[in-house]
C-alpha atoms as a PDB file:
ATOM      1  CA  MET A   1      -5.054  12.284 -21.681  1.00  0.00           C
ATOM      2  CA  ALA A   2      -3.291  14.175 -18.854  1.00  0.00           C
ATOM      3  CA  GLY A   3      -6.004  13.365 -16.306  1.00  0.00           C
ATOM      4  CA  GLU A   4      -6.161   9.751 -17.391  1.00  0.00           C
ATOM      5  CA  THR A   5      -2.498   9.193 -16.555  1.00  0.00           C
ATOM      6  CA  LEU A   6      -3.241   9.748 -12.854  1.00  0.00           C
ATOM      7  CA  ILE A   7      -6.039   7.176 -12.700  1.00  0.00           C
ATOM      8  CA  PRO A   8      -4.920   3.911 -11.058  1.00  0.00           C
ATOM      9  CA  GLY A   9      -4.571   1.247 -13.727  1.00  0.00           C
ATOM     10  CA  PHE A  10      -3.475   3.654 -16.456  1.00  0.00           C
ATOM     11  CA  ARG A  11      -0.812   1.971 -18.608  1.00  0.00           C
ATOM     12  CA  PHE A  12       2.004   3.941 -20.177  1.00  0.00           C
ATOM     13  CA  PRO A  13       2.766   2.638 -23.673  1.00  0.00           C
ATOM     14  CA  GLU A  14       5.694   0.263 -23.946  1.00  0.00           C
ATOM     15  CA  VAL A  15       8.595   1.855 -25.814  1.00  0.00           C
ATOM     16  CA  THR A  16      12.049   0.744 -26.863  1.00  0.00           C
ATOM     17  CA  LEU A  17      14.887   2.897 -25.605  1.00  0.00           C
ATOM     18  CA  SER A  18      18.562   2.749 -24.706  1.00  0.00           C
ATOM     19  CA  ARG A  19      20.862   4.714 -22.417  1.00  0.00           C
ATOM     20  CA  ASP A  20      23.247   6.936 -24.340  1.00  0.00           C
ATOM     21  CA  PRO A  21      26.761   6.707 -22.815  1.00  0.00           C
ATOM     22  CA  ALA A  22      27.455  10.426 -23.311  1.00  0.00           C
ATOM     23  CA  ALA A  23      24.166  11.421 -21.679  1.00  0.00           C
ATOM     24  CA  GLN A  24      24.853   9.157 -18.692  1.00  0.00           C
ATOM     25  CA  GLU A  25      28.359  10.567 -18.305  1.00  0.00           C
ATOM     26  CA  GLU A  26      27.012  14.124 -18.325  1.00  0.00           C
ATOM     27  CA  ALA A  27      24.361  13.313 -15.714  1.00  0.00           C
ATOM     28  CA  LEU A  28      26.818  11.508 -13.431  1.00  0.00           C
ATOM     29  CA  LYS A  29      29.395  14.271 -13.593  1.00  0.00           C
ATOM     30  CA  ALA A  30      26.666  16.770 -12.635  1.00  0.00           C
ATOM     31  CA  CYS A  31      26.198  14.637  -9.492  1.00  0.00           C
ATOM     32  CA  ALA A  32      29.938  14.551  -8.714  1.00  0.00           C
ATOM     33  CA  VAL A  33      29.982  10.844  -9.634  1.00  0.00           C
ATOM     34  CA  ASP A  34      32.853   9.288 -11.556  1.00  0.00           C
ATOM     35  CA  PRO A  35      31.225   7.555 -14.570  1.00  0.00           C
ATOM     36  CA  ALA A  36      33.762   4.741 -14.173  1.00  0.00           C
ATOM     37  CA  ALA A  37      31.874   3.658 -11.039  1.00  0.00           C
ATOM     38  CA  TRP A  38      29.356   1.982 -13.340  1.00  0.00           C
ATOM     39  CA  GLY A  39      31.761   0.888 -16.063  1.00  0.00           C
ATOM     40  CA  GLY A  40      29.854   0.010 -19.219  1.00  0.00           C
ATOM     41  CA  LEU A  41      26.553  -0.464 -17.363  1.00  0.00           C
ATOM     42  CA  THR A  42      23.518   1.765 -17.077  1.00  0.00           C
ATOM     43  CA  GLU A  43      23.298   3.632 -13.763  1.00  0.00           C
ATOM     44  CA  PRO A  44      20.022   2.473 -12.147  1.00  0.00           C
ATOM     45  CA  THR A  45      18.586   5.664 -10.636  1.00  0.00           C
ATOM     46  CA  LEU A  46      18.548   7.349 -14.048  1.00  0.00           C
ATOM     47  CA  TRP A  47      15.686   5.051 -15.086  1.00  0.00           C
ATOM     48  CA  GLY A  48      13.657   7.349 -12.832  1.00  0.00           C
ATOM     49  CA  ASN A  49      14.191  10.168 -15.301  1.00  0.00           C
ATOM     50  CA  ASP A  50      13.006   7.884 -18.102  1.00  0.00           C
ATOM     51  CA  GLY A  51       9.862   7.503 -16.019  1.00  0.00           C
ATOM     52  CA  PHE A  52       9.418  11.267 -15.862  1.00  0.00           C
ATOM     53  CA  ARG A  53       9.907  11.516 -19.622  1.00  0.00           C
ATOM     54  CA  ALA A  54       7.254   8.812 -20.128  1.00  0.00           C
ATOM     55  CA  MET A  55       4.848  10.846 -17.986  1.00  0.00           C
ATOM     56  CA  SER A  56       5.450  13.966 -20.062  1.00  0.00           C
ATOM     57  CA  ALA A  57       5.131  12.040 -23.337  1.00  0.00           C
ATOM     58  CA  ALA A  58       1.713  10.777 -22.182  1.00  0.00           C
ATOM     59  CA  GLY A  59       0.572  14.350 -21.508  1.00  0.00           C
ATOM     60  CA  GLN A  60       0.995  14.298 -17.734  1.00  0.00           C
ATOM     61  CA  GLU A  61       1.921  17.655 -16.213  1.00  0.00           C
ATOM     62  CA  ILE A  62       4.907  17.259 -13.878  1.00  0.00           C
ATOM     63  CA  ASP A  63       5.643  20.896 -13.005  1.00  0.00           C
ATOM     64  CA  GLY A  64       5.289  21.356  -9.262  1.00  0.00           C
ATOM     65  CA  TYR A  65       5.228  17.683  -8.304  1.00  0.00           C
ATOM     66  CA  ILE A  66       7.343  16.933  -5.229  1.00  0.00           C
ATOM     67  CA  HIS A  67       9.234  13.656  -5.215  1.00  0.00           C
ATOM     68  CA  VAL A  68       9.018  12.062  -1.749  1.00  0.00           C
ATOM     69  CA  GLU A  69      10.331   8.531  -2.327  1.00  0.00           C
ATOM     70  CA  GLN A  70      11.956   6.388  -5.013  1.00  0.00           C
ATOM     71  CA  ARG A  71      12.140   2.593  -4.927  1.00  0.00           C
ATOM     72  CA  LEU A  72      14.335   0.439  -7.126  1.00  0.00           C
ATOM     73  CA  THR A  73      14.342  -3.328  -7.494  1.00  0.00           C
ATOM     74  CA  LEU A  74      17.372  -4.439  -9.484  1.00  0.00           C
ATOM     75  CA  SER A  75      17.350  -7.969 -10.861  1.00  0.00           C
ATOM     76  CA  GLY A  76      19.799  -7.645 -13.716  1.00  0.00           C
ATOM     77  CA  THR A  77      22.329  -5.262 -15.232  1.00  0.00           C
ATOM     78  CA  VAL A  78      21.847  -3.488 -18.556  1.00  0.00           C
ATOM     79  CA  PRO A  79      24.858  -2.519 -20.692  1.00  0.00           C
ATOM     80  CA  LEU A  80      25.028   1.043 -21.958  1.00  0.00           C
ATOM     81  CA  GLY A  81      23.518   1.357 -25.418  1.00  0.00           C
ATOM     82  CA  GLU A  82      21.519  -1.888 -25.191  1.00  0.00           C
ATOM     83  CA  ALA A  83      17.907  -1.580 -26.328  1.00  0.00           C
ATOM     84  CA  VAL A  84      15.356  -2.286 -23.596  1.00  0.00           C
ATOM     85  CA  LEU A  85      11.570  -2.325 -23.329  1.00  0.00           C
ATOM     86  CA  PHE A  86      10.254   0.379 -20.994  1.00  0.00           C
ATOM     87  CA  SER A  87       6.664   0.489 -19.730  1.00  0.00           C
ATOM     88  CA  GLY A  88       4.722   1.640 -16.687  1.00  0.00           C
ATOM     89  CA  GLU A  89       1.452   2.101 -14.887  1.00  0.00           C
ATOM     90  CA  THR A  90      -0.225   4.295 -12.299  1.00  0.00           C
ATOM     91  CA  VAL A  91      -0.565   2.249  -9.123  1.00  0.00           C
ATOM     92  CA  SER A  92      -2.421   4.598  -6.761  1.00  0.00           C
ATOM     93  CA  ASN A  93      -3.661   8.162  -6.302  1.00  0.00           C
ATOM     94  CA  GLU A  94      -4.927   9.089  -2.851  1.00  0.00           C
ATOM     95  CA  ALA A  95      -5.636  12.174  -0.783  1.00  0.00           C
ATOM     96  CA  VAL A  96      -3.078  13.145   1.889  1.00  0.00           C
ATOM     97  CA  PRO A  97      -2.939  16.241   4.147  1.00  0.00           C
ATOM     98  CA  ARG A  98      -0.934  18.395   1.689  1.00  0.00           C
ATOM     99  CA  GLY A  99      -2.464  17.238  -1.581  1.00  0.00           C
ATOM    100  CA  ARG A 100      -2.449  13.871  -3.354  1.00  0.00           C
ATOM    101  CA  ARG A 101       0.054  11.022  -3.077  1.00  0.00           C
ATOM    102  CA  ILE A 102       0.668   9.342  -6.435  1.00  0.00           C
ATOM    103  CA  VAL A 103       2.559   6.096  -7.045  1.00  0.00           C
ATOM    104  CA  GLN A 104       3.670   5.184 -10.574  1.00  0.00           C
ATOM    105  CA  ARG A 105       5.669   2.063 -11.409  1.00  0.00           C
ATOM    106  CA  PHE A 106       7.956   1.508 -14.420  1.00  0.00           C
ATOM    107  CA  GLU A 107       9.634  -1.657 -15.674  1.00  0.00           C
ATOM    108  CA  VAL A 108      12.821  -2.129 -17.682  1.00  0.00           C
ATOM    109  CA  ARG A 109      12.937  -5.410 -19.613  1.00  0.00           C
ATOM    110  CA  ARG A 110      15.713  -6.870 -21.733  1.00  0.00           C
ATOM    111  CA  ALA A 111      15.012  -7.929 -25.322  1.00  0.00           C
ATOM    112  CA  ASP A 112      14.094 -11.430 -24.109  1.00  0.00           C
ATOM    113  CA  ARG A 113      11.536  -9.722 -21.785  1.00  0.00           C
ATOM    114  CA  SER A 114      13.404 -10.685 -18.629  1.00  0.00           C
ATOM    115  CA  LEU A 115      12.903  -8.054 -15.939  1.00  0.00           C
ATOM    116  CA  ALA A 116      15.993  -5.978 -15.138  1.00  0.00           C
ATOM    117  CA  VAL A 117      14.694  -3.016 -13.126  1.00  0.00           C
ATOM    118  CA  VAL A 118      11.512  -1.868 -11.415  1.00  0.00           C
ATOM    119  CA  SER A 119      11.479   1.865 -10.689  1.00  0.00           C
ATOM    120  CA  GLU A 120       8.678   3.225  -8.506  1.00  0.00           C
ATOM    121  CA  HIS A 121       7.979   6.941  -8.148  1.00  0.00           C
ATOM    122  CA  ILE A 122       6.127   8.175  -5.057  1.00  0.00           C
ATOM    123  CA  ARG A 123       5.267  11.855  -5.410  1.00  0.00           C
ATOM    124  CA  LEU A 124       3.137  14.562  -3.873  1.00  0.00           C
ATOM    125  CA  LEU A 125       0.826  16.595  -6.074  1.00  0.00           C
ATOM    126  CA  PRO A 126       0.625  19.555  -3.682  1.00  0.00           C
ATOM    127  CA  ASP A 127      -2.400  21.649  -2.840  1.00  0.00           C
ATOM    128  CA  LEU A 128      -0.994  25.193  -3.065  1.00  0.00           C
ATOM    129  CA  GLU A 129      -3.339  26.399  -0.334  1.00  0.00           C
ATOM    130  CA  LYS A 130      -1.687  23.919   2.028  1.00  0.00           C
ATOM    131  CA  MET A 131       1.875  24.635   0.902  1.00  0.00           C
ATOM    132  CA  GLY A 132       4.052  27.683   1.400  1.00  0.00           C
ATOM    133  CA  ALA A 133       6.687  28.761   3.843  1.00  0.00           C
ATOM    134  CA  LYS A 134       5.934  28.125   7.486  1.00  0.00           C
ATOM    135  CA  PRO A 135       6.631  30.916   9.946  1.00  0.00           C
ATOM    136  CA  SER A 136       9.562  30.241  12.218  1.00  0.00           C
ATOM    137  CA  SER A 137       9.155  30.562  15.964  1.00  0.00           C
ATOM    138  CA  GLY A 138      12.896  31.133  16.311  1.00  0.00           C
ATOM    139  CA  SER A 139      13.112  28.387  18.907  1.00  0.00           C
ATOM    140  CA  ALA A 140      13.818  25.342  16.753  1.00  0.00           C
ATOM    141  CA  SER A 141      16.118  22.978  18.597  1.00  0.00           C
ATOM    142  CA  ALA A 142      19.411  21.853  17.148  1.00  0.00           C
ATOM    143  CA  PRO A 143      19.154  18.512  15.349  1.00  0.00           C
ATOM    144  CA  ASP A 144      20.495  15.367  16.946  1.00  0.00           C
ATOM    145  CA  PRO A 145      23.750  14.154  15.362  1.00  0.00           C
ATOM    146  CA  VAL A 146      23.183  11.729  12.512  1.00  0.00           C
ATOM    147  CA  PRO A 147      24.729   8.384  13.533  1.00  0.00           C
ATOM    148  CA  GLY A 148      27.465   7.013  11.337  1.00  0.00           C
ATOM    149  CA  THR A 149      30.632   8.109   9.564  1.00  0.00           C
ATOM    150  CA  ALA A 150      30.936  10.930   7.042  1.00  0.00           C
ATOM    151  CA  ILE A 151      32.266   9.377   3.830  1.00  0.00           C
ATOM    152  CA  ALA A 152      31.782  12.130   1.228  1.00  0.00           C
ATOM    153  CA  ARG A 153      30.792  15.753   0.729  1.00  0.00           C
ATOM    154  CA  LYS A 154      29.485  17.731  -2.200  1.00  0.00           C
ATOM    155  CA  ALA A 155      27.991  21.119  -2.933  1.00  0.00           C
ATOM    156  CA  MET A 156      25.033  21.468  -5.256  1.00  0.00           C
ATOM    157  CA  GLN A 157      25.553  23.984  -8.053  1.00  0.00           C
ATOM    158  CA  PRO A 158      22.682  25.602  -9.990  1.00  0.00           C
ATOM    159  CA  GLN A 159      24.207  24.706 -13.370  1.00  0.00           C
ATOM    160  CA  ASP A 160      24.642  21.056 -12.347  1.00  0.00           C
ATOM    161  CA  VAL A 161      20.992  20.920 -11.252  1.00  0.00           C
ATOM    162  CA  VAL A 162      19.944  22.326 -14.619  1.00  0.00           C
ATOM    163  CA  THR A 163      22.185  19.867 -16.482  1.00  0.00           C
ATOM    164  CA  TYR A 164      20.789  16.867 -14.602  1.00  0.00           C
ATOM    165  CA  SER A 165      17.153  17.881 -15.056  1.00  0.00           C
ATOM    166  CA  LYS A 166      17.175  19.568 -18.476  1.00  0.00           C
ATOM    167  CA  SER A 167      15.622  16.611 -20.327  1.00  0.00           C
ATOM    168  CA  VAL A 168      12.950  16.041 -17.686  1.00  0.00           C
ATOM    169  CA  GLY A 169      11.298  19.381 -17.046  1.00  0.00           C
ATOM    170  CA  ASN A 170       9.520  20.580 -13.882  1.00  0.00           C
ATOM    171  CA  GLU A 171      10.071  24.289 -13.385  1.00  0.00           C
ATOM    172  CA  ILE A 172      10.631  23.757  -9.662  1.00  0.00           C
ATOM    173  CA  HIS A 173      14.206  22.772 -10.644  1.00  0.00           C
ATOM    174  CA  PHE A 174      14.865  25.799 -12.862  1.00  0.00           C
ATOM    175  CA  ASP A 175      12.781  28.845 -11.948  1.00  0.00           C
ATOM    176  CA  PRO A 176      13.261  30.742  -8.640  1.00  0.00           C
ATOM    177  CA  GLU A 177       9.843  32.443  -8.968  1.00  0.00           C
ATOM    178  CA  PHE A 178       8.104  29.119  -9.591  1.00  0.00           C
ATOM    179  CA  ALA A 179       9.839  27.578  -6.561  1.00  0.00           C
ATOM    180  CA  ALA A 180       8.796  30.563  -4.426  1.00  0.00           C
ATOM    181  CA  ARG A 181       5.129  29.828  -5.182  1.00  0.00           C
ATOM    182  CA  TYR A 182       5.568  26.599  -3.215  1.00  0.00           C
ATOM    183  CA  GLY A 183       7.297  28.342  -0.326  1.00  0.00           C
ATOM    184  CA  TYR A 184      10.895  27.478  -1.286  1.00  0.00           C
ATOM    185  CA  ARG A 185      13.757  29.961  -1.117  1.00  0.00           C
ATOM    186  CA  ALA A 186      15.338  28.627  -4.334  1.00  0.00           C
ATOM    187  CA  PRO A 187      14.817  25.924  -6.979  1.00  0.00           C
ATOM    188  CA  LEU A 188      15.157  22.346  -5.766  1.00  0.00           C
ATOM    189  CA  ALA A 189      17.608  19.726  -6.940  1.00  0.00           C
ATOM    190  CA  GLN A 190      15.814  16.597  -8.087  1.00  0.00           C
ATOM    191  CA  GLY A 191      15.546  13.965  -5.393  1.00  0.00           C
ATOM    192  CA  LEU A 192      16.963  11.569  -7.968  1.00  0.00           C
ATOM    193  CA  MET A 193      20.053  13.758  -8.240  1.00  0.00           C
ATOM    194  CA  THR A 194      20.847  13.260  -4.563  1.00  0.00           C
ATOM    195  CA  MET A 195      20.012   9.562  -4.914  1.00  0.00           C
ATOM    196  CA  THR A 196      22.370   9.187  -7.891  1.00  0.00           C
ATOM    197  CA  TRP A 197      25.209  10.614  -5.792  1.00  0.00           C
ATOM    198  CA  MET A 198      24.412   8.324  -2.863  1.00  0.00           C
ATOM    199  CA  VAL A 199      23.966   5.126  -4.899  1.00  0.00           C
ATOM    200  CA  ALA A 200      27.379   5.591  -6.524  1.00  0.00           C
ATOM    201  CA  HIS A 201      28.928   4.639  -3.180  1.00  0.00           C
ATOM    202  CA  LEU A 202      27.169   1.261  -3.432  1.00  0.00           C
ATOM    203  CA  ALA A 203      27.936   0.655  -7.099  1.00  0.00           C
ATOM    204  CA  GLU A 204      30.382  -2.214  -6.638  1.00  0.00           C
ATOM    205  CA  ARG A 205      27.935  -4.211  -4.521  1.00  0.00           C
ATOM    206  CA  LEU A 206      24.946  -3.425  -6.713  1.00  0.00           C
ATOM    207  CA  ARG A 207      26.721  -4.445  -9.915  1.00  0.00           C
ATOM    208  CA  ALA A 208      27.463  -7.861  -8.414  1.00  0.00           C
ATOM    209  CA  ALA A 209      24.072  -8.493  -6.763  1.00  0.00           C
ATOM    210  CA  PRO A 210      21.603 -10.734  -8.634  1.00  0.00           C
ATOM    211  CA  VAL A 211      18.709  -9.027  -6.821  1.00  0.00           C
ATOM    212  CA  ALA A 212      18.862  -5.841  -4.765  1.00  0.00           C
ATOM    213  CA  MET A 213      16.397  -3.302  -3.424  1.00  0.00           C
ATOM    214  CA  VAL A 214      17.149   0.395  -2.933  1.00  0.00           C
ATOM    215  CA  VAL A 215      14.723   2.809  -1.282  1.00  0.00           C
ATOM    216  CA  ALA A 216      15.381   6.551  -1.016  1.00  0.00           C
ATOM    217  CA  ARG A 217      13.128   8.780   1.088  1.00  0.00           C
ATOM    218  CA  PHE A 218      13.409  12.479   0.342  1.00  0.00           C
ATOM    219  CA  LYS A 219      12.740  14.022   3.747  1.00  0.00           C
ATOM    220  CA  ARG A 220      13.686  17.651   3.149  1.00  0.00           C
ATOM    221  CA  PRO A 221      14.238  19.783   0.069  1.00  0.00           C
ATOM    222  CA  VAL A 222      17.748  20.064  -1.327  1.00  0.00           C
ATOM    223  CA  PHE A 223      18.175  23.499  -2.870  1.00  0.00           C
ATOM    224  CA  TRP A 224      20.278  23.980  -5.961  1.00  0.00           C
ATOM    225  CA  ASP A 225      23.061  25.615  -3.924  1.00  0.00           C
ATOM    226  CA  ASP A 226      23.059  23.365  -0.831  1.00  0.00           C
ATOM    227  CA  PRO A 227      26.124  21.583   0.576  1.00  0.00           C
ATOM    228  CA  LEU A 228      25.585  17.945   1.555  1.00  0.00           C
ATOM    229  CA  THR A 229      27.472  15.428   3.665  1.00  0.00           C
ATOM    230  CA  LEU A 230      27.042  11.696   3.082  1.00  0.00           C
ATOM    231  CA  VAL A 231      26.908   9.669   6.305  1.00  0.00           C
ATOM    232  CA  ALA A 232      27.096   5.877   6.338  1.00  0.00           C
ATOM    233  CA  GLN A 233      25.907   3.759   9.244  1.00  0.00           C
ATOM    234  CA  ASP A 234      27.749   0.571  10.114  1.00  0.00           C
ATOM    235  CA  PRO A 235      25.743  -2.245   8.471  1.00  0.00           C
ATOM    236  CA  GLU A 236      24.902  -5.504  10.156  1.00  0.00           C
ATOM    237  CA  ASP A 237      26.468  -7.254   7.156  1.00  0.00           C
ATOM    238  CA  ASP A 238      27.635  -6.337   3.654  1.00  0.00           C
ATOM    239  CA  ARG A 239      24.232  -7.249   2.209  1.00  0.00           C
ATOM    240  CA  GLN A 240      22.822  -4.062   3.696  1.00  0.00           C
ATOM    241  CA  ALA A 241      23.625  -0.356   3.691  1.00  0.00           C
ATOM    242  CA  GLN A 242      22.088   2.739   5.237  1.00  0.00           C
ATOM    243  CA  LEU A 243      23.162   6.156   3.965  1.00  0.00           C
ATOM    244  CA  SER A 244      21.974   9.651   4.867  1.00  0.00           C
ATOM    245  CA  ALA A 245      22.513  12.897   2.953  1.00  0.00           C
ATOM    246  CA  VAL A 246      22.781  15.624   5.598  1.00  0.00           C
ATOM    247  CA  ASN A 247      22.352  19.335   4.888  1.00  0.00           C
ATOM    248  CA  ALA A 248      24.325  22.276   6.275  1.00  0.00           C
ATOM    249  CA  GLU A 249      21.967  22.517   9.263  1.00  0.00           C
ATOM    250  CA  GLY A 250      22.768  18.934  10.234  1.00  0.00           C
ATOM    251  CA  ARG A 251      19.339  17.635   9.186  1.00  0.00           C
ATOM    252  CA  VAL A 252      18.735  14.603   6.992  1.00  0.00           C
ATOM    253  CA  ALA A 253      17.599  15.522   3.499  1.00  0.00           C
ATOM    254  CA  CYS A 254      17.526  11.954   2.155  1.00  0.00           C
ATOM    255  CA  ASP A 255      17.705   8.522   3.763  1.00  0.00           C
ATOM    256  CA  LEU A 256      18.705   5.626   1.524  1.00  0.00           C
ATOM    257  CA  ARG A 257      18.505   1.945   2.349  1.00  0.00           C
ATOM    258  CA  MET A 258      19.988  -0.854   0.261  1.00  0.00           C
ATOM    259  CA  GLU A 259      19.436  -4.558   0.746  1.00  0.00           C
ATOM    260  CA  ILE A 260      20.849  -7.372  -1.339  1.00  0.00           C
ATOM    261  CA  VAL A 261      17.998  -9.847  -1.520  1.00  0.00           C
ATOM    262  CA  ALA A 262      19.821 -12.637  -3.344  1.00  0.00           C
ATOM    263  CA  SER A 263      23.542 -13.345  -3.569  1.00  0.00           C
ATOM    264  CA  ALA A 264      25.470 -14.931  -6.388  1.00  0.00           C
END
């Protein structure tokens, strides 16, 4: 079964699930997010973790996968505790320089089968022979300043990373020796964890938007002890937003773009 899940066209079984309010509160607090930002609604990035759990339930091995991008299309809100139908499929699996790029798409539907959320995972299945730490020449130039205004700061904590990822798995988030095999100095925080923190700053607009798209690109690893600064660029209008999570070296770890496609 595990190999089948990576074949384009593979369908994950549809299941009924609901977001537990206590579990959401725990996950949001681990991300330094006030749960009140989402009121009685499900926080949208956490559907990504439901996708990871669906992969594991189908026998797919997720240890060592590297999340490079997450896309969300939001076309309806879902109250906490409401039962939804959750299903998915493997969209593509193609060779790239460092391994294989895999896209898997999951849908969240209300009881009447109306579509509320599409959550797309884009991940790298790395080739270990092409991974590993790269030697430093010692002459790396200082990064250019990230345009925009700093609006928030947070520091990752190992226990928060474990709390956020404990129901998902992937030893790269928990085990320093496992992370070292891929050339990392420490375990990595989930890309979704950084995204959850960033999206909270757009919660008011996203709750009110009939249709919105959010794309997060995970450009550099965030280690489980990294400090981050959230930088917001001035949008052209309030239907758009561009946020960057910047690490201690001044380099962008995650870029996030939000666009409200339809207004009320």
